[in-house]
Amino acid sequence: MLSIQHLIVALAESSSVQAQIIRNALSELGITRMEVFETGEALLEYIGKYKPDVVMSAFHLPDMTAGEMIFQMRGHPELRDLPFILVSSETNPDLIDPMRQAGLMGILPKPFDLPQLRKVINDTLDFLAANQNDTDSDLDYADLNILVVDDSVMARRHIRTVLERLGFEKITESWSGKDALPLIDSTLFDLVLTDYNMPMMDGCELASYIRTRSMQSSVPIIMISSEENMERLAAAEAAGVSAIMGKPFETSAVRQVLRTQLAQR
């Protein structure tokens, strides 16, 4: 398992003051290997040649946004699974939600404190070592049938990556609730993971269909969504969602929820 002191960080930050603050905070955790770049293009060029363990970035850079950067990374076969941590005080959902969908490892505010940094770094290490973890040795995930429903290609890819690292092999993808119905009606799944907000049929409606009209009404349904409206989330629970997780999600939390839900089948 990769130890924290061996972690290699690539940081995109145009402010030398902010870069030094982040360097000092990482140093307090024992991380000393960090490369700093003032532009997104410089960082992308670097990670294309020398793949670090994790990318950290401010949202606003001189030549691009962190959103544009992560989209470029997710479209590159060699970089699409690289953990990405956003360090920003930006709160505009129109700017941040697409990044959540793309599979952020975490979001750190400006300023952040050491416990917040430690938490997101520990989750990064957990993600990188997920396929080396032996806590699930009593479970045979490889034979389980999993359905992932999300209208974001990047979100599905990130969820698939985490599942594959945990040992799942039989993963079916669908881009909306409506598109998933024929799969639900023709295939028995051991677990369904769904987004909330999707075109034509959302995750709440999909959960209701599974619980009331399908042949597998007891299958565990986990909702992974950036939805924050409590009334809508309560409606999803009422529709039969077994557990709800936010975006970005922690690999360790996903592992625990999966263990709990699969044990209750």
C-alpha atoms as a PDB file:
ATOM      1  CA  MET A   1       0.000   0.000   0.000  1.00  0.00           C
ATOM      2  CA  LEU A   2       1.274   3.462  -0.908  1.00  0.00           C
ATOM      3  CA  SER A   3       2.336   5.329   2.233  1.00  0.00           C
ATOM      4  CA  ILE A   4       1.515   8.988   2.722  1.00  0.00           C
ATOM      5  CA  GLN A   5       5.154  10.111   2.715  1.00  0.00           C
ATOM      6  CA  HIS A   6       5.650   8.619  -0.744  1.00  0.00           C
ATOM      7  CA  LEU A   7       2.632  10.381  -2.256  1.00  0.00           C
ATOM      8  CA  ILE A   8       3.486  12.560  -5.266  1.00  0.00           C
ATOM      9  CA  VAL A   9       1.268  15.638  -5.689  1.00  0.00           C
ATOM     10  CA  ALA A  10       0.927  17.870  -8.748  1.00  0.00           C
ATOM     11  CA  LEU A  11      -0.607  21.248  -7.882  1.00  0.00           C
ATOM     12  CA  ALA A  12      -2.014  23.882 -10.245  1.00  0.00           C
ATOM     13  CA  GLU A  13      -2.084  27.218  -8.419  1.00  0.00           C
ATOM     14  CA  SER A  14      -1.193  30.619  -9.879  1.00  0.00           C
ATOM     15  CA  SER A  15      -0.762  32.265  -6.475  1.00  0.00           C
ATOM     16  CA  SER A  16       2.660  31.611  -4.948  1.00  0.00           C
ATOM     17  CA  VAL A  17       1.242  32.435  -1.518  1.00  0.00           C
ATOM     18  CA  GLN A  18      -1.564  29.866  -1.834  1.00  0.00           C
ATOM     19  CA  ALA A  19       0.849  27.299  -3.247  1.00  0.00           C
ATOM     20  CA  GLN A  20       3.125  27.751  -0.235  1.00  0.00           C
ATOM     21  CA  ILE A  21       0.193  27.402   2.169  1.00  0.00           C
ATOM     22  CA  ILE A  22      -0.760  24.107   0.524  1.00  0.00           C
ATOM     23  CA  ARG A  23       2.870  22.936   0.485  1.00  0.00           C
ATOM     24  CA  ASN A  24       3.229  23.678   4.200  1.00  0.00           C
ATOM     25  CA  ALA A  25      -0.016  21.876   5.043  1.00  0.00           C
ATOM     26  CA  LEU A  26       0.977  18.813   3.024  1.00  0.00           C
ATOM     27  CA  SER A  27       4.366  18.847   4.709  1.00  0.00           C
ATOM     28  CA  GLU A  28       2.673  18.671   8.106  1.00  0.00           C
ATOM     29  CA  LEU A  29       1.075  15.403   6.935  1.00  0.00           C
ATOM     30  CA  GLY A  30       4.445  14.091   5.816  1.00  0.00           C
ATOM     31  CA  ILE A  31       4.019  14.809   2.089  1.00  0.00           C
ATOM     32  CA  THR A  32       7.092  16.523   0.666  1.00  0.00           C
ATOM     33  CA  ARG A  33       6.995  15.512  -2.999  1.00  0.00           C
ATOM     34  CA  MET A  34       4.994  18.233  -4.733  1.00  0.00           C
ATOM     35  CA  GLU A  35       5.325  19.897  -8.122  1.00  0.00           C
ATOM     36  CA  VAL A  36       3.654  23.320  -8.572  1.00  0.00           C
ATOM     37  CA  PHE A  37       2.422  24.775 -11.859  1.00  0.00           C
ATOM     38  CA  GLU A  38       0.972  28.226 -12.457  1.00  0.00           C
ATOM     39  CA  THR A  39      -1.199  27.143 -15.411  1.00  0.00           C
ATOM     40  CA  GLY A  40      -3.425  24.214 -16.236  1.00  0.00           C
ATOM     41  CA  GLU A  41      -1.609  23.577 -19.506  1.00  0.00           C
ATOM     42  CA  ALA A  42       1.742  23.249 -17.730  1.00  0.00           C
ATOM     43  CA  LEU A  43       0.275  20.762 -15.263  1.00  0.00           C
ATOM     44  CA  LEU A  44      -1.392  18.714 -18.025  1.00  0.00           C
ATOM     45  CA  GLU A  45       1.899  18.559 -19.918  1.00  0.00           C
ATOM     46  CA  TYR A  46       3.681  17.361 -16.775  1.00  0.00           C
ATOM     47  CA  ILE A  47       1.207  14.660 -15.792  1.00  0.00           C
ATOM     48  CA  GLY A  48       1.166  13.414 -19.369  1.00  0.00           C
ATOM     49  CA  LYS A  49       4.864  12.585 -18.987  1.00  0.00           C
ATOM     50  CA  TYR A  50       5.293  11.928 -15.269  1.00  0.00           C
ATOM     51  CA  LYS A  51       2.108  10.576 -13.743  1.00  0.00           C
ATOM     52  CA  PRO A  52       1.776  11.752 -10.112  1.00  0.00           C
ATOM     53  CA  ASP A  53      -0.442  10.045  -7.541  1.00  0.00           C
ATOM     54  CA  VAL A  54      -2.889  12.926  -7.192  1.00  0.00           C
ATOM     55  CA  VAL A  55      -3.689  16.275  -8.801  1.00  0.00           C
ATOM     56  CA  MET A  56      -4.727  19.287  -6.743  1.00  0.00           C
ATOM     57  CA  SER A  57      -5.920  22.506  -8.341  1.00  0.00           C
ATOM     58  CA  ALA A  58      -7.438  25.899  -7.704  1.00  0.00           C
ATOM     59  CA  PHE A  59     -10.598  26.482  -9.721  1.00  0.00           C
ATOM     60  CA  HIS A  60      -9.568  29.659 -11.539  1.00  0.00           C
ATOM     61  CA  LEU A  61      -6.261  29.452 -13.410  1.00  0.00           C
ATOM     62  CA  PRO A  62      -4.819  31.938 -15.931  1.00  0.00           C
ATOM     63  CA  ASP A  63      -5.487  29.705 -18.943  1.00  0.00           C
ATOM     64  CA  MET A  64      -8.389  27.466 -17.928  1.00  0.00           C
ATOM     65  CA  THR A  65     -10.635  26.401 -15.072  1.00  0.00           C
ATOM     66  CA  ALA A  66     -10.179  23.295 -12.977  1.00  0.00           C
ATOM     67  CA  GLY A  67     -13.382  22.032 -14.606  1.00  0.00           C
ATOM     68  CA  GLU A  68     -11.812  22.237 -18.049  1.00  0.00           C
ATOM     69  CA  MET A  69      -8.718  20.534 -16.712  1.00  0.00           C
ATOM     70  CA  ILE A  70     -10.515  17.565 -15.171  1.00  0.00           C
ATOM     71  CA  PHE A  71     -12.604  17.091 -18.330  1.00  0.00           C
ATOM     72  CA  GLN A  72      -9.405  16.878 -20.375  1.00  0.00           C
ATOM     73  CA  MET A  73      -7.972  14.380 -17.909  1.00  0.00           C
ATOM     74  CA  ARG A  74     -11.108  12.225 -17.894  1.00  0.00           C
ATOM     75  CA  GLY A  75     -10.955  12.058 -21.688  1.00  0.00           C
ATOM     76  CA  HIS A  76      -7.375  10.762 -21.671  1.00  0.00           C
ATOM     77  CA  PRO A  77      -6.965   6.964 -21.292  1.00  0.00           C
ATOM     78  CA  GLU A  78      -3.836   7.318 -19.160  1.00  0.00           C
ATOM     79  CA  LEU A  79      -5.148  10.107 -16.925  1.00  0.00           C
ATOM     80  CA  ARG A  80      -8.872   9.412 -16.534  1.00  0.00           C
ATOM     81  CA  ASP A  81      -8.525   7.602 -13.201  1.00  0.00           C
ATOM     82  CA  LEU A  82      -6.046  10.030 -11.631  1.00  0.00           C
ATOM     83  CA  PRO A  83      -7.425  11.359  -8.305  1.00  0.00           C
ATOM     84  CA  PHE A  84      -8.344  15.058  -8.492  1.00  0.00           C
ATOM     85  CA  ILE A  85      -8.772  17.346  -5.471  1.00  0.00           C
ATOM     86  CA  LEU A  86     -10.284  20.803  -5.937  1.00  0.00           C
ATOM     87  CA  VAL A  87      -8.997  23.563  -3.640  1.00  0.00           C
ATOM     88  CA  SER A  88     -11.359  26.482  -4.044  1.00  0.00           C
ATOM     89  CA  SER A  89     -13.872  28.790  -2.421  1.00  0.00           C
ATOM     90  CA  GLU A  90     -15.990  28.633  -5.586  1.00  0.00           C
ATOM     91  CA  THR A  91     -19.563  27.585  -4.721  1.00  0.00           C
ATOM     92  CA  ASN A  92     -21.483  28.186  -7.964  1.00  0.00           C
ATOM     93  CA  PRO A  93     -23.289  24.865  -8.565  1.00  0.00           C
ATOM     94  CA  ASP A  94     -23.225  25.409 -12.324  1.00  0.00           C
ATOM     95  CA  LEU A  95     -19.432  25.313 -12.124  1.00  0.00           C
ATOM     96  CA  ILE A  96     -18.924  22.763  -9.352  1.00  0.00           C
ATOM     97  CA  ASP A  97     -21.604  20.138 -10.104  1.00  0.00           C
ATOM     98  CA  PRO A  98     -20.082  19.095 -13.464  1.00  0.00           C
ATOM     99  CA  MET A  99     -16.816  18.495 -11.628  1.00  0.00           C
ATOM    100  CA  ARG A 100     -18.600  16.374  -9.028  1.00  0.00           C
ATOM    101  CA  GLN A 101     -20.020  14.323 -11.886  1.00  0.00           C
ATOM    102  CA  ALA A 102     -16.523  13.910 -13.324  1.00  0.00           C
ATOM    103  CA  GLY A 103     -15.370  12.124 -10.185  1.00  0.00           C
ATOM    104  CA  LEU A 104     -13.698  14.522  -7.772  1.00  0.00           C
ATOM    105  CA  MET A 105     -11.810  12.897  -4.940  1.00  0.00           C
ATOM    106  CA  GLY A 106     -12.717  15.806  -2.710  1.00  0.00           C
ATOM    107  CA  ILE A 107     -13.265  19.559  -2.411  1.00  0.00           C
ATOM    108  CA  LEU A 108     -11.187  21.641  -0.016  1.00  0.00           C
ATOM    109  CA  PRO A 109     -12.327  25.195   0.780  1.00  0.00           C
ATOM    110  CA  LYS A 110     -10.061  28.211   0.926  1.00  0.00           C
ATOM    111  CA  PRO A 111      -8.931  28.388   3.646  1.00  0.00           C
ATOM    112  CA  PHE A 112      -8.965  24.727   4.744  1.00  0.00           C
ATOM    113  CA  ASP A 113      -7.765  23.243   8.005  1.00  0.00           C
ATOM    114  CA  LEU A 114      -5.444  20.290   8.561  1.00  0.00           C
ATOM    115  CA  PRO A 115      -8.198  17.777   9.488  1.00  0.00           C
ATOM    116  CA  GLN A 116     -10.005  18.571   6.215  1.00  0.00           C
ATOM    117  CA  LEU A 117      -6.808  18.023   4.248  1.00  0.00           C
ATOM    118  CA  ARG A 118      -5.982  14.831   6.137  1.00  0.00           C
ATOM    119  CA  LYS A 119      -9.453  13.446   5.401  1.00  0.00           C
ATOM    120  CA  VAL A 120      -9.258  13.969   1.635  1.00  0.00           C
ATOM    121  CA  ILE A 121      -5.659  12.695   1.468  1.00  0.00           C
ATOM    122  CA  ASN A 122      -6.598   9.567   3.425  1.00  0.00           C
ATOM    123  CA  ASP A 123      -9.483   8.943   1.031  1.00  0.00           C
ATOM    124  CA  THR A 124      -7.102   9.376  -1.893  1.00  0.00           C
ATOM    125  CA  LEU A 125      -4.812   6.740  -0.391  1.00  0.00           C
ATOM    126  CA  ASP A 126      -7.816   4.473   0.188  1.00  0.00           C
ATOM    127  CA  PHE A 127      -8.848   4.878  -3.463  1.00  0.00           C
ATOM    128  CA  LEU A 128      -5.337   4.132  -4.715  1.00  0.00           C
ATOM    129  CA  ALA A 129      -5.088   1.048  -2.503  1.00  0.00           C
ATOM    130  CA  ALA A 130      -8.673  -0.191  -2.888  1.00  0.00           C
ATOM    131  CA  ASN A 131      -7.669  -3.211  -4.941  1.00  0.00           C
ATOM    132  CA  GLN A 132      -5.051  -4.134  -2.339  1.00  0.00           C
ATOM    133  CA  ASN A 133      -7.443  -4.029   0.624  1.00  0.00           C
ATOM    134  CA  ASP A 134      -8.130  -7.357   2.291  1.00  0.00           C
ATOM    135  CA  THR A 135     -11.064  -6.246   4.468  1.00  0.00           C
ATOM    136  CA  ASP A 136     -13.468  -7.670   1.881  1.00  0.00           C
ATOM    137  CA  SER A 137     -11.739 -11.043   1.597  1.00  0.00           C
ATOM    138  CA  ASP A 138     -14.837 -12.746   2.994  1.00  0.00           C
ATOM    139  CA  LEU A 139     -16.961 -11.428   0.114  1.00  0.00           C
ATOM    140  CA  ASP A 140     -16.820 -12.578  -3.499  1.00  0.00           C
ATOM    141  CA  TYR A 141     -17.669  -9.432  -5.406  1.00  0.00           C
ATOM    142  CA  ALA A 142     -16.540 -10.853  -8.757  1.00  0.00           C
ATOM    143  CA  ASP A 143     -19.707 -12.938  -9.196  1.00  0.00           C
ATOM    144  CA  LEU A 144     -22.150 -10.173  -8.282  1.00  0.00           C
ATOM    145  CA  ASN A 145     -24.206  -8.413 -10.970  1.00  0.00           C
ATOM    146  CA  ILE A 146     -24.153  -4.616 -10.588  1.00  0.00           C
ATOM    147  CA  LEU A 147     -26.224  -2.020 -12.465  1.00  0.00           C
ATOM    148  CA  VAL A 148     -24.925   1.574 -12.591  1.00  0.00           C
ATOM    149  CA  VAL A 149     -27.418   4.207 -13.789  1.00  0.00           C
ATOM    150  CA  ASP A 150     -26.177   7.762 -14.401  1.00  0.00           C
ATOM    151  CA  ASP A 151     -26.597  10.179 -17.302  1.00  0.00           C
ATOM    152  CA  SER A 152     -22.994  11.363 -16.948  1.00  0.00           C
ATOM    153  CA  VAL A 153     -20.465   9.239 -18.832  1.00  0.00           C
ATOM    154  CA  MET A 154     -17.679  10.500 -16.565  1.00  0.00           C
ATOM    155  CA  ALA A 155     -19.658   9.740 -13.404  1.00  0.00           C
ATOM    156  CA  ARG A 156     -20.359   6.188 -14.605  1.00  0.00           C
ATOM    157  CA  ARG A 157     -16.694   5.749 -15.449  1.00  0.00           C
ATOM    158  CA  HIS A 158     -15.589   6.943 -12.008  1.00  0.00           C
ATOM    159  CA  ILE A 159     -18.092   4.704 -10.223  1.00  0.00           C
ATOM    160  CA  ARG A 160     -17.024   1.763 -12.393  1.00  0.00           C
ATOM    161  CA  THR A 161     -13.365   2.446 -11.553  1.00  0.00           C
ATOM    162  CA  VAL A 162     -14.078   2.377  -7.814  1.00  0.00           C
ATOM    163  CA  LEU A 163     -16.180  -0.783  -8.132  1.00  0.00           C
ATOM    164  CA  GLU A 164     -13.535  -2.542 -10.190  1.00  0.00           C
ATOM    165  CA  ARG A 165     -10.865  -1.590  -7.657  1.00  0.00           C
ATOM    166  CA  LEU A 166     -13.045  -3.153  -4.956  1.00  0.00           C
ATOM    167  CA  GLY A 167     -13.246  -6.401  -6.940  1.00  0.00           C
ATOM    168  CA  PHE A 168     -16.509  -6.146  -8.901  1.00  0.00           C
ATOM    169  CA  GLU A 169     -16.330  -7.502 -12.449  1.00  0.00           C
ATOM    170  CA  LYS A 170     -19.905  -7.806 -13.718  1.00  0.00           C
ATOM    171  CA  ILE A 171     -20.950  -4.179 -14.154  1.00  0.00           C
ATOM    172  CA  THR A 172     -23.728  -3.018 -16.494  1.00  0.00           C
ATOM    173  CA  GLU A 173     -24.186   0.670 -17.301  1.00  0.00           C
ATOM    174  CA  SER A 174     -27.278   2.670 -18.247  1.00  0.00           C
ATOM    175  CA  TRP A 175     -27.637   6.388 -18.945  1.00  0.00           C
ATOM    176  CA  SER A 176     -31.148   6.995 -17.525  1.00  0.00           C
ATOM    177  CA  GLY A 177     -33.880   5.419 -15.463  1.00  0.00           C
ATOM    178  CA  LYS A 178     -35.995   4.804 -18.546  1.00  0.00           C
ATOM    179  CA  ASP A 179     -33.073   3.221 -20.386  1.00  0.00           C
ATOM    180  CA  ALA A 180     -32.509   0.941 -17.379  1.00  0.00           C
ATOM    181  CA  LEU A 181     -36.068  -0.480 -17.330  1.00  0.00           C
ATOM    182  CA  PRO A 182     -35.486  -3.203 -19.968  1.00  0.00           C
ATOM    183  CA  LEU A 183     -32.373  -4.257 -18.055  1.00  0.00           C
ATOM    184  CA  ILE A 184     -34.303  -4.383 -14.781  1.00  0.00           C
ATOM    185  CA  ASP A 185     -37.013  -6.473 -16.445  1.00  0.00           C
ATOM    186  CA  SER A 186     -34.641  -8.950 -18.067  1.00  0.00           C
ATOM    187  CA  THR A 187     -31.670  -9.311 -15.709  1.00  0.00           C
ATOM    188  CA  LEU A 188     -31.390 -10.103 -12.019  1.00  0.00           C
ATOM    189  CA  PHE A 189     -29.011  -7.708 -10.295  1.00  0.00           C
ATOM    190  CA  ASP A 190     -27.425  -8.003  -6.867  1.00  0.00           C
ATOM    191  CA  LEU A 191     -27.128  -4.230  -6.508  1.00  0.00           C
ATOM    192  CA  VAL A 192     -28.301  -1.066  -8.266  1.00  0.00           C
ATOM    193  CA  LEU A 193     -26.394   2.222  -8.032  1.00  0.00           C
ATOM    194  CA  THR A 194     -28.222   5.224  -9.443  1.00  0.00           C
ATOM    195  CA  ASP A 195     -27.953   8.975  -9.781  1.00  0.00           C
ATOM    196  CA  TYR A 196     -30.941  11.142  -8.813  1.00  0.00           C
ATOM    197  CA  ASN A 197     -31.254  13.757 -11.555  1.00  0.00           C
ATOM    198  CA  MET A 198     -31.520  12.118 -14.982  1.00  0.00           C
ATOM    199  CA  PRO A 199     -33.591  12.781 -18.129  1.00  0.00           C
ATOM    200  CA  MET A 200     -36.940  11.045 -18.795  1.00  0.00           C
ATOM    201  CA  MET A 201     -36.915   9.067 -15.527  1.00  0.00           C
ATOM    202  CA  ASP A 202     -34.952  10.116 -12.455  1.00  0.00           C
ATOM    203  CA  GLY A 203     -33.470   7.920  -9.759  1.00  0.00           C
ATOM    204  CA  CYS A 204     -36.454   8.343  -7.458  1.00  0.00           C
ATOM    205  CA  GLU A 205     -38.853   7.139 -10.167  1.00  0.00           C
ATOM    206  CA  LEU A 206     -36.511   4.272 -11.004  1.00  0.00           C
ATOM    207  CA  ALA A 207     -36.416   3.167  -7.372  1.00  0.00           C
ATOM    208  CA  SER A 208     -40.207   3.283  -7.207  1.00  0.00           C
ATOM    209  CA  TYR A 209     -40.473   1.142 -10.356  1.00  0.00           C
ATOM    210  CA  ILE A 210     -38.039  -1.433  -8.983  1.00  0.00           C
ATOM    211  CA  ARG A 211     -39.853  -1.658  -5.649  1.00  0.00           C
ATOM    212  CA  THR A 212     -43.413  -1.822  -6.993  1.00  0.00           C
ATOM    213  CA  ARG A 213     -43.340  -3.150 -10.556  1.00  0.00           C
ATOM    214  CA  SER A 214     -40.219  -5.249 -11.099  1.00  0.00           C
ATOM    215  CA  MET A 215     -39.403  -8.887 -10.440  1.00  0.00           C
ATOM    216  CA  GLN A 216     -36.569  -7.879  -8.097  1.00  0.00           C
ATOM    217  CA  SER A 217     -38.288  -5.583  -5.640  1.00  0.00           C
ATOM    218  CA  SER A 218     -35.850  -6.356  -2.807  1.00  0.00           C
ATOM    219  CA  VAL A 219     -32.602  -5.563  -4.623  1.00  0.00           C
ATOM    220  CA  PRO A 220     -30.462  -3.017  -2.706  1.00  0.00           C
ATOM    221  CA  ILE A 221     -30.563   0.434  -4.336  1.00  0.00           C
ATOM    222  CA  ILE A 222     -27.806   2.935  -3.552  1.00  0.00           C
ATOM    223  CA  MET A 223     -28.240   6.514  -4.746  1.00  0.00           C
ATOM    224  CA  ILE A 224     -25.013   8.403  -5.485  1.00  0.00           C
ATOM    225  CA  SER A 225     -25.929  11.993  -6.235  1.00  0.00           C
ATOM    226  CA  SER A 226     -24.963  15.635  -5.775  1.00  0.00           C
ATOM    227  CA  GLU A 227     -28.623  16.400  -4.975  1.00  0.00           C
ATOM    228  CA  GLU A 228     -28.819  18.378  -1.712  1.00  0.00           C
ATOM    229  CA  ASN A 229     -32.537  19.182  -1.449  1.00  0.00           C
ATOM    230  CA  MET A 230     -33.655  17.362   1.692  1.00  0.00           C
ATOM    231  CA  GLU A 231     -37.256  16.981   0.548  1.00  0.00           C
ATOM    232  CA  ARG A 232     -36.168  15.338  -2.689  1.00  0.00           C
ATOM    233  CA  LEU A 233     -33.771  13.049  -0.846  1.00  0.00           C
ATOM    234  CA  ALA A 234     -36.541  12.118   1.595  1.00  0.00           C
ATOM    235  CA  ALA A 235     -38.758  11.309  -1.399  1.00  0.00           C
ATOM    236  CA  ALA A 236     -36.030   8.999  -2.727  1.00  0.00           C
ATOM    237  CA  GLU A 237     -35.878   7.164   0.591  1.00  0.00           C
ATOM    238  CA  ALA A 238     -39.659   6.869   0.601  1.00  0.00           C
ATOM    239  CA  ALA A 239     -39.497   5.434  -2.922  1.00  0.00           C
ATOM    240  CA  GLY A 240     -37.290   2.626  -1.669  1.00  0.00           C
ATOM    241  CA  VAL A 241     -33.682   3.796  -1.951  1.00  0.00           C
ATOM    242  CA  SER A 242     -31.626   1.760   0.528  1.00  0.00           C
ATOM    243  CA  ALA A 243     -28.803   4.272   1.058  1.00  0.00           C
ATOM    244  CA  ILE A 244     -27.799   7.703  -0.245  1.00  0.00           C
ATOM    245  CA  MET A 245     -24.257   8.944  -0.843  1.00  0.00           C
ATOM    246  CA  GLY A 246     -23.087  12.340  -2.039  1.00  0.00           C
ATOM    247  CA  LYS A 247     -20.715  13.340  -4.818  1.00  0.00           C
ATOM    248  CA  PRO A 248     -17.807  13.327  -4.323  1.00  0.00           C
ATOM    249  CA  PHE A 249     -17.934  10.121  -2.300  1.00  0.00           C
ATOM    250  CA  GLU A 250     -15.298   8.414  -0.194  1.00  0.00           C
ATOM    251  CA  THR A 251     -14.028   5.021  -1.307  1.00  0.00           C
ATOM    252  CA  SER A 252     -14.055   3.765   2.284  1.00  0.00           C
ATOM    253  CA  ALA A 253     -17.670   4.893   2.699  1.00  0.00           C
ATOM    254  CA  VAL A 254     -18.676   3.162  -0.538  1.00  0.00           C
ATOM    255  CA  ARG A 255     -17.020  -0.036   0.676  1.00  0.00           C
ATOM    256  CA  GLN A 256     -18.900   0.086   3.972  1.00  0.00           C
ATOM    257  CA  VAL A 257     -22.275   0.832   2.374  1.00  0.00           C
ATOM    258  CA  LEU A 258     -21.780  -1.984  -0.128  1.00  0.00           C
ATOM    259  CA  ARG A 259     -20.888  -4.453   2.619  1.00  0.00           C
ATOM    260  CA  THR A 260     -23.909  -3.422   4.673  1.00  0.00           C
ATOM    261  CA  GLN A 261     -26.393  -3.575   1.804  1.00  0.00           C
ATOM    262  CA  LEU A 262     -25.098  -6.819   0.337  1.00  0.00           C
ATOM    263  CA  ALA A 263     -25.143  -8.469   3.767  1.00  0.00           C
ATOM    264  CA  GLN A 264     -28.852  -7.641   4.076  1.00  0.00           C
ATOM    265  CA  ARG A 265     -29.892  -9.263   0.805  1.00  0.00           C
END
